[in-house]
Amino acid sequence: MKLTRPIFFALYAIMMVACGYNTENKPSYSSTHIKSLKTTSEQSAFVQDLFESSEKLQNETALLNSKYGDDSTILKDHFDKKKKLDKIILDKIDSYLKIHDHPYKKTLVI
């Protein structure tokens, strides 16, 4: 009965897909990763990566808009994808600020 376990996992995977199990709502990062950003350069690289991801989305939007027009299906599909990715980026920023606070608050002397 060595096939029992693989069959179980295969059926489980099929059920999750069939029932609409949504993995897109799961964050693609962990707070453990954000907590591990100890140095200023690590934190800056993380924030820079978020900025560049957002800029890439903006550039893709402009390119698709100029190439296919405002009413194209391709642009509408891109906006759906962009909305999901923007939410992920926003969640990462929110988590980052909860863990590390705003970088200028640390250096600000009142």
PDB file of N, CA and C in Angstrom:
ATOM      1  N   MET A   1       0.814  -1.200   0.000  1.00  0.00           N
ATOM      2  CA  MET A   1       0.000   0.000   0.000  1.00  0.00           C
ATOM      3  C   MET A   1       0.856   1.261   0.000  1.00  0.00           C
ATOM      4  N   LYS A   2       1.947   1.249  -0.720  1.00  0.00           N
ATOM      5  CA  LYS A   2       2.814   2.412  -0.797  1.00  0.00           C
ATOM      6  C   LYS A   2       2.196   3.538  -1.619  1.00  0.00           C
ATOM      7  N   LEU A   3       1.207   3.229  -2.431  1.00  0.00           N
ATOM      8  CA  LEU A   3       0.575   4.247  -3.260  1.00  0.00           C
ATOM      9  C   LEU A   3      -0.495   5.038  -2.514  1.00  0.00           C
ATOM     10  N   THR A   4      -0.845   4.641  -1.346  1.00  0.00           N
ATOM     11  CA  THR A   4      -1.905   5.306  -0.603  1.00  0.00           C
ATOM     12  C   THR A   4      -1.576   6.771  -0.334  1.00  0.00           C
ATOM     13  N   ARG A   5      -0.396   7.056   0.123  1.00  0.00           N
ATOM     14  CA  ARG A   5      -0.022   8.419   0.451  1.00  0.00           C
ATOM     15  C   ARG A   5       0.004   9.315  -0.793  1.00  0.00           C
ATOM     16  N   PRO A   6       0.673   8.934  -1.905  1.00  0.00           N
ATOM     17  CA  PRO A   6       0.647   9.789  -3.097  1.00  0.00           C
ATOM     18  C   PRO A   6      -0.756   9.997  -3.647  1.00  0.00           C
ATOM     19  N   ILE A   7      -1.583   8.966  -3.597  1.00  0.00           N
ATOM     20  CA  ILE A   7      -2.957   9.108  -4.080  1.00  0.00           C
ATOM     21  C   ILE A   7      -3.718  10.097  -3.200  1.00  0.00           C
ATOM     22  N   PHE A   8      -3.524  10.004  -1.883  1.00  0.00           N
ATOM     23  CA  PHE A   8      -4.180  10.933  -0.963  1.00  0.00           C
ATOM     24  C   PHE A   8      -3.786  12.367  -1.285  1.00  0.00           C
ATOM     25  N   PHE A   9      -2.484  12.638  -1.463  1.00  0.00           N
ATOM     26  CA  PHE A   9      -2.035  13.998  -1.745  1.00  0.00           C
ATOM     27  C   PHE A   9      -2.519  14.482  -3.103  1.00  0.00           C
ATOM     28  N   ALA A  10      -2.581  13.581  -4.076  1.00  0.00           N
ATOM     29  CA  ALA A  10      -3.099  13.954  -5.399  1.00  0.00           C
ATOM     30  C   ALA A  10      -4.570  14.333  -5.312  1.00  0.00           C
ATOM     31  N   LEU A  11      -5.351  13.526  -4.581  1.00  0.00           N
ATOM     32  CA  LEU A  11      -6.769  13.846  -4.414  1.00  0.00           C
ATOM     33  C   LEU A  11      -6.960  15.139  -3.627  1.00  0.00           C
ATOM     34  N   TYR A  12      -6.131  15.339  -2.613  1.00  0.00           N
ATOM     35  CA  TYR A  12      -6.192  16.573  -1.826  1.00  0.00           C
ATOM     36  C   TYR A  12      -5.933  17.788  -2.714  1.00  0.00           C
ATOM     37  N   ALA A  13      -4.914  17.705  -3.561  1.00  0.00           N
ATOM     38  CA  ALA A  13      -4.592  18.816  -4.466  1.00  0.00           C
ATOM     39  C   ALA A  13      -5.733  19.078  -5.437  1.00  0.00           C
ATOM     40  N   ILE A  14      -6.312  18.017  -5.976  1.00  0.00           N
ATOM     41  CA  ILE A  14      -7.430  18.173  -6.911  1.00  0.00           C
ATOM     42  C   ILE A  14      -8.628  18.816  -6.209  1.00  0.00           C
ATOM     43  N   MET A  15      -8.899  18.410  -4.980  1.00  0.00           N
ATOM     44  CA  MET A  15     -10.022  18.994  -4.238  1.00  0.00           C
ATOM     45  C   MET A  15      -9.787  20.471  -3.957  1.00  0.00           C
ATOM     46  N   MET A  16      -8.574  20.836  -3.607  1.00  0.00           N
ATOM     47  CA  MET A  16      -8.284  22.237  -3.329  1.00  0.00           C
ATOM     48  C   MET A  16      -8.490  23.099  -4.573  1.00  0.00           C
ATOM     49  N   VAL A  17      -8.059  22.593  -5.717  1.00  0.00           N
ATOM     50  CA  VAL A  17      -8.251  23.326  -6.971  1.00  0.00           C
ATOM     51  C   VAL A  17      -9.737  23.375  -7.307  1.00  0.00           C
ATOM     52  N   ALA A  18     -10.413  22.253  -7.201  1.00  0.00           N
ATOM     53  CA  ALA A  18     -11.832  22.177  -7.553  1.00  0.00           C
ATOM     54  C   ALA A  18     -12.691  23.037  -6.636  1.00  0.00           C
ATOM     55  N   CYS A  19     -12.318  23.134  -5.388  1.00  0.00           N
ATOM     56  CA  CYS A  19     -13.109  23.913  -4.431  1.00  0.00           C
ATOM     57  C   CYS A  19     -12.722  25.387  -4.420  1.00  0.00           C
ATOM     58  N   GLY A  20     -11.771  25.751  -5.234  1.00  0.00           N
ATOM     59  CA  GLY A  20     -11.410  27.158  -5.326  1.00  0.00           C
ATOM     60  C   GLY A  20     -10.489  27.628  -4.233  1.00  0.00           C
ATOM     61  N   TYR A  21      -9.678  26.751  -3.706  1.00  0.00           N
ATOM     62  CA  TYR A  21      -8.693  27.156  -2.701  1.00  0.00           C
ATOM     63  C   TYR A  21      -7.811  28.232  -3.308  1.00  0.00           C
ATOM     64  N   ASN A  22      -7.738  29.374  -2.661  1.00  0.00           N
ATOM     65  CA  ASN A  22      -7.070  30.528  -3.232  1.00  0.00           C
ATOM     66  C   ASN A  22      -5.730  30.764  -2.550  1.00  0.00           C
ATOM     67  N   THR A  23      -4.648  30.483  -3.267  1.00  0.00           N
ATOM     68  CA  THR A  23      -3.318  30.719  -2.711  1.00  0.00           C
ATOM     69  C   THR A  23      -2.855  32.141  -2.976  1.00  0.00           C
ATOM     70  N   GLU A  24      -3.575  32.893  -3.817  1.00  0.00           N
ATOM     71  CA  GLU A  24      -3.157  34.255  -4.135  1.00  0.00           C
ATOM     72  C   GLU A  24      -3.316  35.194  -2.949  1.00  0.00           C
ATOM     73  N   ASN A  25      -4.153  34.846  -1.979  1.00  0.00           N
ATOM     74  CA  ASN A  25      -4.326  35.690  -0.807  1.00  0.00           C
ATOM     75  C   ASN A  25      -3.253  35.450   0.244  1.00  0.00           C
ATOM     76  N   LYS A  26      -2.437  34.435   0.031  1.00  0.00           N
ATOM     77  CA  LYS A  26      -1.371  34.141   0.983  1.00  0.00           C
ATOM     78  C   LYS A  26      -0.203  35.094   0.706  1.00  0.00           C
ATOM     79  N   PRO A  27       0.375  35.672   1.742  1.00  0.00           N
ATOM     80  CA  PRO A  27       1.514  36.563   1.496  1.00  0.00           C
ATOM     81  C   PRO A  27       2.708  35.799   0.948  1.00  0.00           C
ATOM     82  N   SER A  28       3.445  36.457   0.049  1.00  0.00           N
ATOM     83  CA  SER A  28       4.607  35.819  -0.557  1.00  0.00           C
ATOM     84  C   SER A  28       5.871  36.153   0.236  1.00  0.00           C
ATOM     85  N   TYR A  29       5.736  36.519   1.443  1.00  0.00           N
ATOM     86  CA  TYR A  29       6.849  36.892   2.303  1.00  0.00           C
ATOM     87  C   TYR A  29       6.479  36.456   3.710  1.00  0.00           C
ATOM     88  N   SER A  30       7.405  36.612   4.602  1.00  0.00           N
ATOM     89  CA  SER A  30       7.096  36.281   5.986  1.00  0.00           C
ATOM     90  C   SER A  30       7.596  37.392   6.891  1.00  0.00           C
ATOM     91  N   SER A  31       6.930  37.538   8.011  1.00  0.00           N
ATOM     92  CA  SER A  31       7.391  38.533   8.975  1.00  0.00           C
ATOM     93  C   SER A  31       8.751  38.126   9.528  1.00  0.00           C
ATOM     94  N   THR A  32       9.043  36.834   9.500  1.00  0.00           N
ATOM     95  CA  THR A  32      10.359  36.367   9.926  1.00  0.00           C
ATOM     96  C   THR A  32      11.441  36.956   9.031  1.00  0.00           C
ATOM     97  N   HIS A  33      11.174  36.974   7.731  1.00  0.00           N
ATOM     98  CA  HIS A  33      12.141  37.570   6.792  1.00  0.00           C
ATOM     99  C   HIS A  33      12.312  39.061   7.081  1.00  0.00           C
ATOM    100  N   ILE A  34      11.221  39.754   7.297  1.00  0.00           N
ATOM    101  CA  ILE A  34      11.298  41.192   7.559  1.00  0.00           C
ATOM    102  C   ILE A  34      12.013  41.454   8.881  1.00  0.00           C
ATOM    103  N   LYS A  35      11.759  40.626   9.890  1.00  0.00           N
ATOM    104  CA  LYS A  35      12.447  40.773  11.172  1.00  0.00           C
ATOM    105  C   LYS A  35      13.943  40.506  11.047  1.00  0.00           C
ATOM    106  N   SER A  36      14.329  39.694  10.070  1.00  0.00           N
ATOM    107  CA  SER A  36      15.742  39.348   9.906  1.00  0.00           C
ATOM    108  C   SER A  36      16.552  40.474   9.263  1.00  0.00           C
ATOM    109  N   LEU A  37      15.886  41.515   8.812  1.00  0.00           N
ATOM    110  CA  LEU A  37      16.584  42.649   8.199  1.00  0.00           C
ATOM    111  C   LEU A  37      17.141  43.530   9.317  1.00  0.00           C
ATOM    112  N   LYS A  38      18.351  43.241   9.729  1.00  0.00           N
ATOM    113  CA  LYS A  38      18.926  43.923  10.895  1.00  0.00           C
ATOM    114  C   LYS A  38      19.666  45.209  10.538  1.00  0.00           C
ATOM    115  N   THR A  39      20.441  45.183   9.459  1.00  0.00           N
ATOM    116  CA  THR A  39      21.250  46.348   9.129  1.00  0.00           C
ATOM    117  C   THR A  39      20.463  47.338   8.270  1.00  0.00           C
ATOM    118  N   THR A  40      20.912  48.569   8.291  1.00  0.00           N
ATOM    119  CA  THR A  40      20.280  49.603   7.474  1.00  0.00           C
ATOM    120  C   THR A  40      20.358  49.258   6.002  1.00  0.00           C
ATOM    121  N   SER A  41      21.462  48.660   5.569  1.00  0.00           N
ATOM    122  CA  SER A  41      21.601  48.320   4.152  1.00  0.00           C
ATOM    123  C   SER A  41      20.630  47.199   3.763  1.00  0.00           C
ATOM    124  N   GLU A  42      20.404  46.228   4.649  1.00  0.00           N
ATOM    125  CA  GLU A  42      19.430  45.171   4.363  1.00  0.00           C
ATOM    126  C   GLU A  42      18.013  45.751   4.281  1.00  0.00           C
ATOM    127  N   GLN A  43      17.701  46.641   5.207  1.00  0.00           N
ATOM    128  CA  GLN A  43      16.385  47.263   5.208  1.00  0.00           C
ATOM    129  C   GLN A  43      16.204  48.141   3.958  1.00  0.00           C
ATOM    130  N   SER A  44      17.232  48.888   3.606  1.00  0.00           N
ATOM    131  CA  SER A  44      17.172  49.729   2.404  1.00  0.00           C
ATOM    132  C   SER A  44      16.990  48.890   1.150  1.00  0.00           C
ATOM    133  N   ALA A  45      17.689  47.768   1.073  1.00  0.00           N
ATOM    134  CA  ALA A  45      17.562  46.891  -0.094  1.00  0.00           C
ATOM    135  C   ALA A  45      16.145  46.329  -0.190  1.00  0.00           C
ATOM    136  N   PHE A  46      15.550  45.984   0.941  1.00  0.00           N
ATOM    137  CA  PHE A  46      14.181  45.467   0.957  1.00  0.00           C
ATOM    138  C   PHE A  46      13.205  46.528   0.451  1.00  0.00           C
ATOM    139  N   VAL A  47      13.323  47.741   0.976  1.00  0.00           N
ATOM    140  CA  VAL A  47      12.436  48.829   0.571  1.00  0.00           C
ATOM    141  C   VAL A  47      12.680  49.199  -0.889  1.00  0.00           C
ATOM    142  N   GLN A  48      13.936  49.206  -1.311  1.00  0.00           N
ATOM    143  CA  GLN A  48      14.266  49.500  -2.711  1.00  0.00           C
ATOM    144  C   GLN A  48      13.651  48.464  -3.641  1.00  0.00           C
ATOM    145  N   ASP A  49      13.668  47.208  -3.243  1.00  0.00           N
ATOM    146  CA  ASP A  49      13.067  46.144  -4.043  1.00  0.00           C
ATOM    147  C   ASP A  49      11.561  46.362  -4.188  1.00  0.00           C
ATOM    148  N   LEU A  50      10.906  46.786  -3.112  1.00  0.00           N
ATOM    149  CA  LEU A  50       9.473  47.086  -3.186  1.00  0.00           C
ATOM    150  C   LEU A  50       9.210  48.241  -4.140  1.00  0.00           C
ATOM    151  N   PHE A  51      10.041  49.266  -4.047  1.00  0.00           N
ATOM    152  CA  PHE A  51       9.898  50.427  -4.937  1.00  0.00           C
ATOM    153  C   PHE A  51      10.077  50.013  -6.397  1.00  0.00           C
ATOM    154  N   GLU A  52      11.108  49.221  -6.668  1.00  0.00           N
ATOM    155  CA  GLU A  52      11.369  48.795  -8.038  1.00  0.00           C
ATOM    156  C   GLU A  52      10.255  47.890  -8.569  1.00  0.00           C
ATOM    157  N   SER A  53       9.675  47.065  -7.714  1.00  0.00           N
ATOM    158  CA  SER A  53       8.547  46.234  -8.129  1.00  0.00           C
ATOM    159  C   SER A  53       7.354  47.098  -8.528  1.00  0.00           C
ATOM    160  N   SER A  54       7.108  48.120  -7.737  1.00  0.00           N
ATOM    161  CA  SER A  54       6.006  49.034  -8.029  1.00  0.00           C
ATOM    162  C   SER A  54       6.269  49.805  -9.319  1.00  0.00           C
ATOM    163  N   GLU A  55       7.493  50.275  -9.496  1.00  0.00           N
ATOM    164  CA  GLU A  55       7.854  50.996 -10.721  1.00  0.00           C
ATOM    165  C   GLU A  55       7.723  50.110 -11.953  1.00  0.00           C
ATOM    166  N   LYS A  56       8.103  48.860 -11.824  1.00  0.00           N
ATOM    167  CA  LYS A  56       7.989  47.919 -12.938  1.00  0.00           C
ATOM    168  C   LYS A  56       6.523  47.759 -13.345  1.00  0.00           C
ATOM    169  N   LEU A  57       5.646  47.656 -12.362  1.00  0.00           N
ATOM    170  CA  LEU A  57       4.219  47.562 -12.658  1.00  0.00           C
ATOM    171  C   LEU A  57       3.714  48.808 -13.379  1.00  0.00           C
ATOM    172  N   GLN A  58       4.158  49.976 -12.915  1.00  0.00           N
ATOM    173  CA  GLN A  58       3.744  51.229 -13.557  1.00  0.00           C
ATOM    174  C   GLN A  58       4.222  51.288 -14.999  1.00  0.00           C
ATOM    175  N   ASN A  59       5.455  50.872 -15.239  1.00  0.00           N
ATOM    176  CA  ASN A  59       6.002  50.880 -16.592  1.00  0.00           C
ATOM    177  C   ASN A  59       5.267  49.900 -17.503  1.00  0.00           C
ATOM    178  N   GLU A  60       4.943  48.725 -16.968  1.00  0.00           N
ATOM    179  CA  GLU A  60       4.180  47.742 -17.745  1.00  0.00           C
ATOM    180  C   GLU A  60       2.802  48.296 -18.102  1.00  0.00           C
ATOM    181  N   THR A  61       2.175  48.984 -17.160  1.00  0.00           N
ATOM    182  CA  THR A  61       0.861  49.567 -17.407  1.00  0.00           C
ATOM    183  C   THR A  61       0.930  50.590 -18.530  1.00  0.00           C
ATOM    184  N   ALA A  62       1.915  51.483 -18.468  1.00  0.00           N
ATOM    185  CA  ALA A  62       2.065  52.513 -19.502  1.00  0.00           C
ATOM    186  C   ALA A  62       2.332  51.882 -20.862  1.00  0.00           C
ATOM    187  N   LEU A  63       3.176  50.868 -20.883  1.00  0.00           N
ATOM    188  CA  LEU A  63       3.500  50.201 -22.148  1.00  0.00           C
ATOM    189  C   LEU A  63       2.269  49.521 -22.746  1.00  0.00           C
ATOM    190  N   LEU A  64       1.539  48.779 -21.941  1.00  0.00           N
ATOM    191  CA  LEU A  64       0.343  48.093 -22.426  1.00  0.00           C
ATOM    192  C   LEU A  64      -0.733  49.088 -22.855  1.00  0.00           C
ATOM    193  N   ASN A  65      -0.852  50.179 -22.124  1.00  0.00           N
ATOM    194  CA  ASN A  65      -1.835  51.196 -22.470  1.00  0.00           C
ATOM    195  C   ASN A  65      -1.515  51.823 -23.821  1.00  0.00           C
ATOM    196  N   SER A  66      -0.252  52.152 -24.045  1.00  0.00           N
ATOM    197  CA  SER A  66       0.120  52.767 -25.322  1.00  0.00           C
ATOM    198  C   SER A  66       0.055  51.775 -26.474  1.00  0.00           C
ATOM    199  N   LYS A  67       0.315  50.512 -26.185  1.00  0.00           N
ATOM    200  CA  LYS A  67       0.336  49.496 -27.240  1.00  0.00           C
ATOM    201  C   LYS A  67      -1.063  49.008 -27.612  1.00  0.00           C
ATOM    202  N   TYR A  68      -1.928  48.796 -26.598  1.00  0.00           N
ATOM    203  CA  TYR A  68      -3.226  48.181 -26.848  1.00  0.00           C
ATOM    204  C   TYR A  68      -4.427  49.099 -26.615  1.00  0.00           C
ATOM    205  N   GLY A  69      -4.231  50.216 -25.940  1.00  0.00           N
ATOM    206  CA  GLY A  69      -5.337  51.144 -25.696  1.00  0.00           C
ATOM    207  C   GLY A  69      -6.052  50.898 -24.380  1.00  0.00           C
ATOM    208  N   ASP A  70      -6.845  51.904 -23.998  1.00  0.00           N
ATOM    209  CA  ASP A  70      -7.543  51.886 -22.704  1.00  0.00           C
ATOM    210  C   ASP A  70      -8.564  50.770 -22.557  1.00  0.00           C
ATOM    211  N   ASP A  71      -9.217  50.411 -23.638  1.00  0.00           N
ATOM    212  CA  ASP A  71     -10.327  49.460 -23.559  1.00  0.00           C
ATOM    213  C   ASP A  71      -9.940  48.023 -23.876  1.00  0.00           C
ATOM    214  N   SER A  72      -8.658  47.742 -23.988  1.00  0.00           N
ATOM    215  CA  SER A  72      -8.242  46.396 -24.387  1.00  0.00           C
ATOM    216  C   SER A  72      -8.406  45.396 -23.249  1.00  0.00           C
ATOM    217  N   THR A  73      -8.655  44.168 -23.631  1.00  0.00           N
ATOM    218  CA  THR A  73      -8.762  43.072 -22.667  1.00  0.00           C
ATOM    219  C   THR A  73      -7.421  42.840 -21.981  1.00  0.00           C
ATOM    220  N   ILE A  74      -6.355  42.996 -22.741  1.00  0.00           N
ATOM    221  CA  ILE A  74      -5.009  42.797 -22.184  1.00  0.00           C
ATOM    222  C   ILE A  74      -4.754  43.784 -21.054  1.00  0.00           C
ATOM    223  N   LEU A  75      -5.124  45.048 -21.255  1.00  0.00           N
ATOM    224  CA  LEU A  75      -4.914  46.055 -20.216  1.00  0.00           C
ATOM    225  C   LEU A  75      -5.808  45.778 -19.008  1.00  0.00           C
ATOM    226  N   LYS A  76      -7.035  45.358 -19.248  1.00  0.00           N
ATOM    227  CA  LYS A  76      -7.931  45.043 -18.136  1.00  0.00           C
ATOM    228  C   LYS A  76      -7.402  43.854 -17.328  1.00  0.00           C
ATOM    229  N   ASP A  77      -6.881  42.845 -18.017  1.00  0.00           N
ATOM    230  CA  ASP A  77      -6.274  41.706 -17.318  1.00  0.00           C
ATOM    231  C   ASP A  77      -5.051  42.151 -16.524  1.00  0.00           C
ATOM    232  N   HIS A  78      -4.282  43.060 -17.119  1.00  0.00           N
ATOM    233  CA  HIS A  78      -3.097  43.588 -16.431  1.00  0.00           C
ATOM    234  C   HIS A  78      -3.507  44.335 -15.159  1.00  0.00           C
ATOM    235  N   PHE A  79      -4.588  45.113 -15.223  1.00  0.00           N
ATOM    236  CA  PHE A  79      -5.049  45.843 -14.041  1.00  0.00           C
ATOM    237  C   PHE A  79      -5.468  44.890 -12.924  1.00  0.00           C
ATOM    238  N   ASP A  80      -6.071  43.757 -13.292  1.00  0.00           N
ATOM    239  CA  ASP A  80      -6.420  42.754 -12.281  1.00  0.00           C
ATOM    240  C   ASP A  80      -5.157  42.214 -11.610  1.00  0.00           C
ATOM    241  N   LYS A  81      -4.151  41.907 -12.423  1.00  0.00           N
ATOM    242  CA  LYS A  81      -2.875  41.418 -11.900  1.00  0.00           C
ATOM    243  C   LYS A  81      -2.201  42.507 -11.061  1.00  0.00           C
ATOM    244  N   LYS A  82      -2.236  43.738 -11.553  1.00  0.00           N
ATOM    245  CA  LYS A  82      -1.599  44.863 -10.867  1.00  0.00           C
ATOM    246  C   LYS A  82      -2.245  45.109  -9.507  1.00  0.00           C
ATOM    247  N   LYS A  83      -3.556  44.983  -9.446  1.00  0.00           N
ATOM    248  CA  LYS A  83      -4.263  45.191  -8.180  1.00  0.00           C
ATOM    249  C   LYS A  83      -3.792  44.185  -7.130  1.00  0.00           C
ATOM    250  N   LYS A  84      -3.633  42.928  -7.538  1.00  0.00           N
ATOM    251  CA  LYS A  84      -3.171  41.890  -6.614  1.00  0.00           C
ATOM    252  C   LYS A  84      -1.734  42.147  -6.165  1.00  0.00           C
ATOM    253  N   LEU A  85      -0.869  42.513  -7.121  1.00  0.00           N
ATOM    254  CA  LEU A  85       0.532  42.766  -6.780  1.00  0.00           C
ATOM    255  C   LEU A  85       0.682  44.027  -5.933  1.00  0.00           C
ATOM    256  N   ASP A  86      -0.118  45.062  -6.218  1.00  0.00           N
ATOM    257  CA  ASP A  86      -0.097  46.266  -5.389  1.00  0.00           C
ATOM    258  C   ASP A  86      -0.493  45.949  -3.955  1.00  0.00           C
ATOM    259  N   LYS A  87      -1.458  45.055  -3.790  1.00  0.00           N
ATOM    260  CA  LYS A  87      -1.890  44.653  -2.442  1.00  0.00           C
ATOM    261  C   LYS A  87      -0.757  43.933  -1.712  1.00  0.00           C
ATOM    262  N   ILE A  88      -0.048  43.078  -2.414  1.00  0.00           N
ATOM    263  CA  ILE A  88       1.087  42.373  -1.809  1.00  0.00           C
ATOM    264  C   ILE A  88       2.158  43.361  -1.385  1.00  0.00           C
ATOM    265  N   ILE A  89       2.472  44.311  -2.265  1.00  0.00           N
ATOM    266  CA  ILE A  89       3.487  45.326  -1.950  1.00  0.00           C
ATOM    267  C   ILE A  89       3.042  46.149  -0.749  1.00  0.00           C
ATOM    268  N   LEU A  90       1.780  46.559  -0.731  1.00  0.00           N
ATOM    269  CA  LEU A  90       1.261  47.339   0.393  1.00  0.00           C
ATOM    270  C   LEU A  90       1.324  46.547   1.698  1.00  0.00           C
ATOM    271  N   ASP A  91       0.991  45.261   1.639  1.00  0.00           N
ATOM    272  CA  ASP A  91       1.083  44.415   2.832  1.00  0.00           C
ATOM    273  C   ASP A  91       2.523  44.308   3.328  1.00  0.00           C
ATOM    274  N   LYS A  92       3.464  44.198   2.393  1.00  0.00           N
ATOM    275  CA  LYS A  92       4.878  44.132   2.782  1.00  0.00           C
ATOM    276  C   LYS A  92       5.319  45.435   3.441  1.00  0.00           C
ATOM    277  N   ILE A  93       4.893  46.566   2.875  1.00  0.00           N
ATOM    278  CA  ILE A  93       5.245  47.869   3.459  1.00  0.00           C
ATOM    279  C   ILE A  93       4.643  47.985   4.851  1.00  0.00           C
ATOM    280  N   ASP A  94       3.384  47.587   4.989  1.00  0.00           N
ATOM    281  CA  ASP A  94       2.713  47.645   6.287  1.00  0.00           C
ATOM    282  C   ASP A  94       3.453  46.796   7.321  1.00  0.00           C
ATOM    283  N   SER A  95       3.805  45.577   6.941  1.00  0.00           N
ATOM    284  CA  SER A  95       4.546  44.696   7.854  1.00  0.00           C
ATOM    285  C   SER A  95       5.908  45.282   8.202  1.00  0.00           C
ATOM    286  N   TYR A  96       6.587  45.824   7.206  1.00  0.00           N
ATOM    287  CA  TYR A  96       7.896  46.423   7.432  1.00  0.00           C
ATOM    288  C   TYR A  96       7.797  47.555   8.455  1.00  0.00           C
ATOM    289  N   LEU A  97       6.808  48.448   8.268  1.00  0.00           N
ATOM    290  CA  LEU A  97       6.666  49.594   9.172  1.00  0.00           C
ATOM    291  C   LEU A  97       6.264  49.166  10.580  1.00  0.00           C
ATOM    292  N   LYS A  98       5.500  48.098  10.696  1.00  0.00           N
ATOM    293  CA  LYS A  98       5.130  47.603  12.026  1.00  0.00           C
ATOM    294  C   LYS A  98       6.336  47.030  12.754  1.00  0.00           C
ATOM    295  N   ILE A  99       7.244  46.441  12.004  1.00  0.00           N
ATOM    296  CA  ILE A  99       8.412  45.794  12.619  1.00  0.00           C
ATOM    297  C   ILE A  99       9.559  46.775  12.818  1.00  0.00           C
ATOM    298  N   HIS A 100       9.863  47.565  11.793  1.00  0.00           N
ATOM    299  CA  HIS A 100      11.049  48.425  11.837  1.00  0.00           C
ATOM    300  C   HIS A 100      10.747  49.912  11.986  1.00  0.00           C
ATOM    301  N   ASP A 101       9.479  50.289  11.936  1.00  0.00           N
ATOM    302  CA  ASP A 101       9.075  51.687  12.024  1.00  0.00           C
ATOM    303  C   ASP A 101       9.619  52.464  10.820  1.00  0.00           C
ATOM    304  N   HIS A 102       9.314  53.726  10.781  1.00  0.00           N
ATOM    305  CA  HIS A 102       9.788  54.568   9.681  1.00  0.00           C
ATOM    306  C   HIS A 102      11.271  54.866   9.891  1.00  0.00           C
ATOM    307  N   PRO A 103      12.092  54.759   8.839  1.00  0.00           N
ATOM    308  CA  PRO A 103      13.544  54.920   9.025  1.00  0.00           C
ATOM    309  C   PRO A 103      13.953  56.294   9.542  1.00  0.00           C
ATOM    310  N   TYR A 104      13.218  57.333   9.185  1.00  0.00           N
ATOM    311  CA  TYR A 104      13.609  58.658   9.629  1.00  0.00           C
ATOM    312  C   TYR A 104      13.250  58.923  11.082  1.00  0.00           C
ATOM    313  N   LYS A 105      12.293  58.179  11.617  1.00  0.00           N
ATOM    314  CA  LYS A 105      11.941  58.327  13.023  1.00  0.00           C
ATOM    315  C   LYS A 105      13.106  57.917  13.923  1.00  0.00           C
ATOM    316  N   LYS A 106      13.916  56.979  13.445  1.00  0.00           N
ATOM    317  CA  LYS A 106      15.034  56.490  14.227  1.00  0.00           C
ATOM    318  C   LYS A 106      16.160  57.524  14.311  1.00  0.00           C
ATOM    319  N   THR A 107      16.283  58.329  13.271  1.00  0.00           N
ATOM    320  CA  THR A 107      17.391  59.281  13.236  1.00  0.00           C
ATOM    321  C   THR A 107      16.957  60.692  13.599  1.00  0.00           C
ATOM    322  N   LEU A 108      15.663  60.909  13.738  1.00  0.00           N
ATOM    323  CA  LEU A 108      15.140  62.224  14.027  1.00  0.00           C
ATOM    324  C   LEU A 108      15.373  62.574  15.498  1.00  0.00           C
ATOM    325  N   VAL A 109      15.953  63.735  15.722  1.00  0.00           N
ATOM    326  CA  VAL A 109      16.194  64.209  17.101  1.00  0.00           C
ATOM    327  C   VAL A 109      15.282  65.391  17.338  1.00  0.00           C
ATOM    328  N   ILE A 110      14.487  65.305  18.382  1.00  0.00           N
ATOM    329  CA  ILE A 110      13.535  66.382  18.681  1.00  0.00           C
ATOM    330  C   ILE A 110      13.992  67.142  19.892  1.00  0.00           C
TER     331      ILE A 110
END
